[in-house]
């Protein structure tokens, strides 16, 4: 489980629906991330993805 109180100041993130998002700041709580793509030949920013995204449980 990720310590969401940790804010990695090297990885800015505004995706609050991600389990890895810091609880109180717009940073990732992971030490590192992997950026990938869902396109064969990405040509725009929106073609890239954070491959560490995990949806927060709304249980």
PDB file of N, CA and C in Angstrom:
ATOM      1  N   UNK A   1       0.838  -1.189   0.000  1.00  0.00           N
ATOM      2  CA  UNK A   1       0.000   0.000   0.000  1.00  0.00           C
ATOM      3  C   UNK A   1       0.881   1.249   0.000  1.00  0.00           C
ATOM      4  N   UNK A   2       0.451   2.278  -0.682  1.00  0.00           N
ATOM      5  CA  UNK A   2       1.197   3.525  -0.831  1.00  0.00           C
ATOM      6  C   UNK A   2       0.936   4.443   0.357  1.00  0.00           C
ATOM      7  N   UNK A   3       1.985   5.104   0.827  1.00  0.00           N
ATOM      8  CA  UNK A   3       1.847   6.123   1.872  1.00  0.00           C
ATOM      9  C   UNK A   3       1.442   7.430   1.193  1.00  0.00           C
ATOM     10  N   UNK A   4       0.159   7.723   1.187  1.00  0.00           N
ATOM     11  CA  UNK A   4      -0.343   8.898   0.475  1.00  0.00           C
ATOM     12  C   UNK A   4      -0.031  10.209   1.175  1.00  0.00           C
ATOM     13  N   UNK A   5       0.619  10.164   2.322  1.00  0.00           N
ATOM     14  CA  UNK A   5       1.041  11.404   2.969  1.00  0.00           C
ATOM     15  C   UNK A   5       2.366  11.881   2.377  1.00  0.00           C
ATOM     16  N   UNK A   6       3.063  10.988   1.643  1.00  0.00           N
ATOM     17  CA  UNK A   6       4.320  11.340   0.989  1.00  0.00           C
ATOM     18  C   UNK A   6       4.027  12.082  -0.304  1.00  0.00           C
ATOM     19  N   UNK A   7       4.737  13.187  -0.533  1.00  0.00           N
ATOM     20  CA  UNK A   7       4.596  13.954  -1.773  1.00  0.00           C
ATOM     21  C   UNK A   7       5.941  13.982  -2.486  1.00  0.00           C
ATOM     22  N   UNK A   8       6.043  13.275  -3.606  1.00  0.00           N
ATOM     23  CA  UNK A   8       7.267  13.278  -4.398  1.00  0.00           C
ATOM     24  C   UNK A   8       7.275  14.567  -5.217  1.00  0.00           C
ATOM     25  N   UNK A   9       8.074  15.534  -4.796  1.00  0.00           N
ATOM     26  CA  UNK A   9       8.102  16.854  -5.425  1.00  0.00           C
ATOM     27  C   UNK A   9       8.651  16.813  -6.851  1.00  0.00           C
ATOM     28  N   UNK A  10       9.130  15.672  -7.283  1.00  0.00           N
ATOM     29  CA  UNK A  10       9.613  15.520  -8.658  1.00  0.00           C
ATOM     30  C   UNK A  10       8.520  15.044  -9.613  1.00  0.00           C
ATOM     31  N   UNK A  11       7.374  14.615  -9.053  1.00  0.00           N
ATOM     32  CA  UNK A  11       6.294  14.092  -9.895  1.00  0.00           C
ATOM     33  C   UNK A  11       5.004  14.846  -9.562  1.00  0.00           C
ATOM     34  N   UNK A  12       4.696  15.864 -10.335  1.00  0.00           N
ATOM     35  CA  UNK A  12       3.439  16.592 -10.145  1.00  0.00           C
ATOM     36  C   UNK A  12       2.299  15.757 -10.694  1.00  0.00           C
ATOM     37  N   UNK A  13       1.154  15.813 -10.016  1.00  0.00           N
ATOM     38  CA  UNK A  13      -0.013  15.039 -10.444  1.00  0.00           C
ATOM     39  C   UNK A  13      -1.286  15.725  -9.969  1.00  0.00           C
ATOM     40  N   UNK A  14      -2.255  15.832 -10.868  1.00  0.00           N
ATOM     41  CA  UNK A  14      -3.547  16.424 -10.517  1.00  0.00           C
ATOM     42  C   UNK A  14      -4.684  15.419 -10.599  1.00  0.00           C
ATOM     43  N   UNK A  15      -4.347  14.140 -10.731  1.00  0.00           N
ATOM     44  CA  UNK A  15      -5.362  13.093 -10.875  1.00  0.00           C
ATOM     45  C   UNK A  15      -5.760  12.601  -9.484  1.00  0.00           C
ATOM     46  N   UNK A  16      -6.709  13.298  -8.882  1.00  0.00           N
ATOM     47  CA  UNK A  16      -7.108  12.974  -7.510  1.00  0.00           C
ATOM     48  C   UNK A  16      -7.861  11.648  -7.404  1.00  0.00           C
ATOM     49  N   UNK A  17      -8.310  11.112  -8.513  1.00  0.00           N
ATOM     50  CA  UNK A  17      -9.000   9.817  -8.492  1.00  0.00           C
ATOM     51  C   UNK A  17      -8.019   8.643  -8.499  1.00  0.00           C
ATOM     52  N   UNK A  18      -6.711   8.929  -8.488  1.00  0.00           N
ATOM     53  CA  UNK A  18      -5.691   7.875  -8.464  1.00  0.00           C
ATOM     54  C   UNK A  18      -5.304   7.540  -7.028  1.00  0.00           C
ATOM     55  N   UNK A  19      -5.184   6.270  -6.754  1.00  0.00           N
ATOM     56  CA  UNK A  19      -4.787   5.789  -5.428  1.00  0.00           C
ATOM     57  C   UNK A  19      -3.395   6.288  -5.033  1.00  0.00           C
ATOM     58  N   UNK A  20      -2.554   6.596  -6.016  1.00  0.00           N
ATOM     59  CA  UNK A  20      -1.182   7.028  -5.755  1.00  0.00           C
ATOM     60  C   UNK A  20      -1.033   8.538  -5.592  1.00  0.00           C
ATOM     61  N   UNK A  21      -2.134   9.275  -5.658  1.00  0.00           N
ATOM     62  CA  UNK A  21      -2.097  10.733  -5.510  1.00  0.00           C
ATOM     63  C   UNK A  21      -1.895  11.093  -4.041  1.00  0.00           C
ATOM     64  N   UNK A  22      -1.056  12.106  -3.782  1.00  0.00           N
ATOM     65  CA  UNK A  22      -0.853  12.585  -2.420  1.00  0.00           C
ATOM     66  C   UNK A  22      -2.178  13.086  -1.858  1.00  0.00           C
ATOM     67  N   UNK A  23      -2.408  12.856  -0.586  1.00  0.00           N
ATOM     68  CA  UNK A  23      -3.692  13.212   0.034  1.00  0.00           C
ATOM     69  C   UNK A  23      -4.001  14.701   0.042  1.00  0.00           C
ATOM     70  N   UNK A  24      -2.987  15.558   0.094  1.00  0.00           N
ATOM     71  CA  UNK A  24      -3.260  16.981   0.288  1.00  0.00           C
ATOM     72  C   UNK A  24      -2.589  17.914  -0.711  1.00  0.00           C
ATOM     73  N   UNK A  25      -1.746  17.391  -1.586  1.00  0.00           N
ATOM     74  CA  UNK A  25      -1.029  18.219  -2.545  1.00  0.00           C
ATOM     75  C   UNK A  25      -1.089  17.580  -3.929  1.00  0.00           C
ATOM     76  N   UNK A  26      -0.829  18.364  -4.961  1.00  0.00           N
ATOM     77  CA  UNK A  26      -0.859  17.844  -6.326  1.00  0.00           C
ATOM     78  C   UNK A  26       0.468  17.217  -6.732  1.00  0.00           C
ATOM     79  N   UNK A  27       0.809  16.146  -6.010  1.00  0.00           N
ATOM     80  CA  UNK A  27       2.005  15.364  -6.296  1.00  0.00           C
ATOM     81  C   UNK A  27       1.674  13.884  -6.201  1.00  0.00           C
ATOM     82  N   UNK A  28       2.513  13.087  -6.821  1.00  0.00           N
ATOM     83  CA  UNK A  28       2.394  11.639  -6.729  1.00  0.00           C
ATOM     84  C   UNK A  28       3.052  11.172  -5.438  1.00  0.00           C
ATOM     85  N   UNK A  29       2.527  10.111  -4.858  1.00  0.00           N
ATOM     86  CA  UNK A  29       3.086   9.558  -3.631  1.00  0.00           C
ATOM     87  C   UNK A  29       4.080   8.425  -3.897  1.00  0.00           C
ATOM     88  N   UNK A  30       4.348   8.128  -5.165  1.00  0.00           N
ATOM     89  CA  UNK A  30       5.303   7.071  -5.507  1.00  0.00           C
ATOM     90  C   UNK A  30       6.716   7.624  -5.651  1.00  0.00           C
ATOM     91  N   UNK A  31       7.716   6.761  -5.523  1.00  0.00           N
ATOM     92  CA  UNK A  31       9.115   7.161  -5.734  1.00  0.00           C
ATOM     93  C   UNK A  31       9.408   7.395  -7.208  1.00  0.00           C
ATOM     94  N   UNK A  32       8.748   6.632  -8.075  1.00  0.00           N
ATOM     95  CA  UNK A  32       8.941   6.771  -9.516  1.00  0.00           C
ATOM     96  C   UNK A  32       7.678   6.291 -10.215  1.00  0.00           C
ATOM     97  N   UNK A  33       7.522   6.676 -11.479  1.00  0.00           N
ATOM     98  CA  UNK A  33       6.387   6.241 -12.284  1.00  0.00           C
ATOM     99  C   UNK A  33       6.888   5.773 -13.648  1.00  0.00           C
ATOM    100  N   UNK A  34       6.018   5.096 -14.366  1.00  0.00           N
ATOM    101  CA  UNK A  34       6.298   4.691 -15.739  1.00  0.00           C
ATOM    102  C   UNK A  34       5.293   5.390 -16.644  1.00  0.00           C
ATOM    103  N   UNK A  35       5.792   6.079 -17.655  1.00  0.00           N
ATOM    104  CA  UNK A  35       4.927   6.739 -18.627  1.00  0.00           C
ATOM    105  C   UNK A  35       4.945   5.901 -19.892  1.00  0.00           C
ATOM    106  N   UNK A  36       3.757   5.617 -20.399  1.00  0.00           N
ATOM    107  CA  UNK A  36       3.634   4.799 -21.603  1.00  0.00           C
ATOM    108  C   UNK A  36       2.669   5.452 -22.566  1.00  0.00           C
ATOM    109  N   UNK A  37       2.282   4.703 -23.580  1.00  0.00           N
ATOM    110  CA  UNK A  37       1.338   5.216 -24.578  1.00  0.00           C
ATOM    111  C   UNK A  37       0.362   4.128 -24.970  1.00  0.00           C
ATOM    112  N   UNK A  38      -0.819   4.555 -25.400  1.00  0.00           N
ATOM    113  CA  UNK A  38      -1.825   3.621 -25.902  1.00  0.00           C
ATOM    114  C   UNK A  38      -1.932   3.726 -27.426  1.00  0.00           C
ATOM    115  N   UNK A  39      -1.030   4.461 -28.030  1.00  0.00           N
ATOM    116  CA  UNK A  39      -1.015   4.668 -29.477  1.00  0.00           C
ATOM    117  C   UNK A  39       0.221   4.011 -30.082  1.00  0.00           C
ATOM    118  N   UNK A  40       0.117   3.582 -31.336  1.00  0.00           N
ATOM    119  CA  UNK A  40       1.257   3.002 -32.042  1.00  0.00           C
ATOM    120  C   UNK A  40       2.290   4.086 -32.340  1.00  0.00           C
ATOM    121  N   UNK A  41       1.820   5.258 -32.738  1.00  0.00           N
ATOM    122  CA  UNK A  41       2.701   6.375 -33.075  1.00  0.00           C
ATOM    123  C   UNK A  41       2.160   7.640 -32.407  1.00  0.00           C
ATOM    124  N   UNK A  42       2.449   7.848 -31.114  1.00  0.00           N
ATOM    125  CA  UNK A  42       1.893   8.995 -30.402  1.00  0.00           C
ATOM    126  C   UNK A  42       2.378  10.323 -30.993  1.00  0.00           C
ATOM    127  N   UNK A  43       1.432  11.249 -31.167  1.00  0.00           N
ATOM    128  CA  UNK A  43       1.764  12.553 -31.734  1.00  0.00           C
ATOM    129  C   UNK A  43       1.303  13.707 -30.849  1.00  0.00           C
ATOM    130  N   UNK A  44       0.572  13.399 -29.778  1.00  0.00           N
ATOM    131  CA  UNK A  44       0.069  14.432 -28.886  1.00  0.00           C
ATOM    132  C   UNK A  44       0.234  13.995 -27.437  1.00  0.00           C
ATOM    133  N   UNK A  45       0.273  14.978 -26.559  1.00  0.00           N
ATOM    134  CA  UNK A  45       0.392  14.715 -25.126  1.00  0.00           C
ATOM    135  C   UNK A  45      -0.694  13.756 -24.634  1.00  0.00           C
ATOM    136  N   UNK A  46      -1.910  13.917 -25.140  1.00  0.00           N
ATOM    137  CA  UNK A  46      -3.019  13.088 -24.674  1.00  0.00           C
ATOM    138  C   UNK A  46      -2.886  11.618 -25.073  1.00  0.00           C
ATOM    139  N   UNK A  47      -1.884  11.299 -25.863  1.00  0.00           N
ATOM    140  CA  UNK A  47      -1.636   9.909 -26.254  1.00  0.00           C
ATOM    141  C   UNK A  47      -0.805   9.157 -25.218  1.00  0.00           C
ATOM    142  N   UNK A  48      -0.323   9.862 -24.193  1.00  0.00           N
ATOM    143  CA  UNK A  48       0.521   9.225 -23.182  1.00  0.00           C
ATOM    144  C   UNK A  48      -0.275   8.943 -21.912  1.00  0.00           C
ATOM    145  N   UNK A  49       0.191   7.984 -21.136  1.00  0.00           N
ATOM    146  CA  UNK A  49      -0.508   7.552 -19.932  1.00  0.00           C
ATOM    147  C   UNK A  49       0.481   7.299 -18.799  1.00  0.00           C
ATOM    148  N   UNK A  50       0.032   7.555 -17.575  1.00  0.00           N
ATOM    149  CA  UNK A  50       0.785   7.114 -16.407  1.00  0.00           C
ATOM    150  C   UNK A  50       0.390   5.658 -16.194  1.00  0.00           C
ATOM    151  N   UNK A  51       1.334   4.762 -16.353  1.00  0.00           N
ATOM    152  CA  UNK A  51       1.033   3.334 -16.251  1.00  0.00           C
ATOM    153  C   UNK A  51       0.917   2.855 -14.806  1.00  0.00           C
ATOM    154  N   UNK A  52       1.089   3.773 -13.852  1.00  0.00           N
ATOM    155  CA  UNK A  52       0.939   3.438 -12.441  1.00  0.00           C
ATOM    156  C   UNK A  52      -0.429   3.832 -11.899  1.00  0.00           C
ATOM    157  N   UNK A  53      -1.307   4.331 -12.783  1.00  0.00           N
ATOM    158  CA  UNK A  53      -2.635   4.747 -12.333  1.00  0.00           C
ATOM    159  C   UNK A  53      -3.400   3.585 -11.741  1.00  0.00           C
ATOM    160  N   UNK A  54      -3.951   3.816 -10.563  1.00  0.00           N
ATOM    161  CA  UNK A  54      -4.826   2.846  -9.888  1.00  0.00           C
ATOM    162  C   UNK A  54      -6.030   3.642  -9.389  1.00  0.00           C
ATOM    163  N   UNK A  55      -7.216   3.279  -9.830  1.00  0.00           N
ATOM    164  CA  UNK A  55      -8.421   4.004  -9.409  1.00  0.00           C
ATOM    165  C   UNK A  55      -8.630   3.847  -7.901  1.00  0.00           C
ATOM    166  N   UNK A  56      -8.954   4.970  -7.252  1.00  0.00           N
ATOM    167  CA  UNK A  56      -9.254   4.921  -5.811  1.00  0.00           C
ATOM    168  C   UNK A  56     -10.524   4.119  -5.588  1.00  0.00           C
ATOM    169  N   UNK A  57     -10.519   3.352  -4.562  1.00  0.00           N
ATOM    170  CA  UNK A  57     -11.708   2.575  -4.188  1.00  0.00           C
ATOM    171  C   UNK A  57     -12.742   3.526  -3.595  1.00  0.00           C
ATOM    172  N   UNK A  58     -13.949   3.455  -4.092  1.00  0.00           N
ATOM    173  CA  UNK A  58     -15.029   4.301  -3.575  1.00  0.00           C
ATOM    174  C   UNK A  58     -15.962   3.470  -2.693  1.00  0.00           C
ATOM    175  N   UNK A  59     -15.398   2.450  -2.087  1.00  0.00           N
ATOM    176  CA  UNK A  59     -16.182   1.522  -1.245  1.00  0.00           C
ATOM    177  C   UNK A  59     -16.733   2.221  -0.024  1.00  0.00           C
TER     178      UNK A  59
END
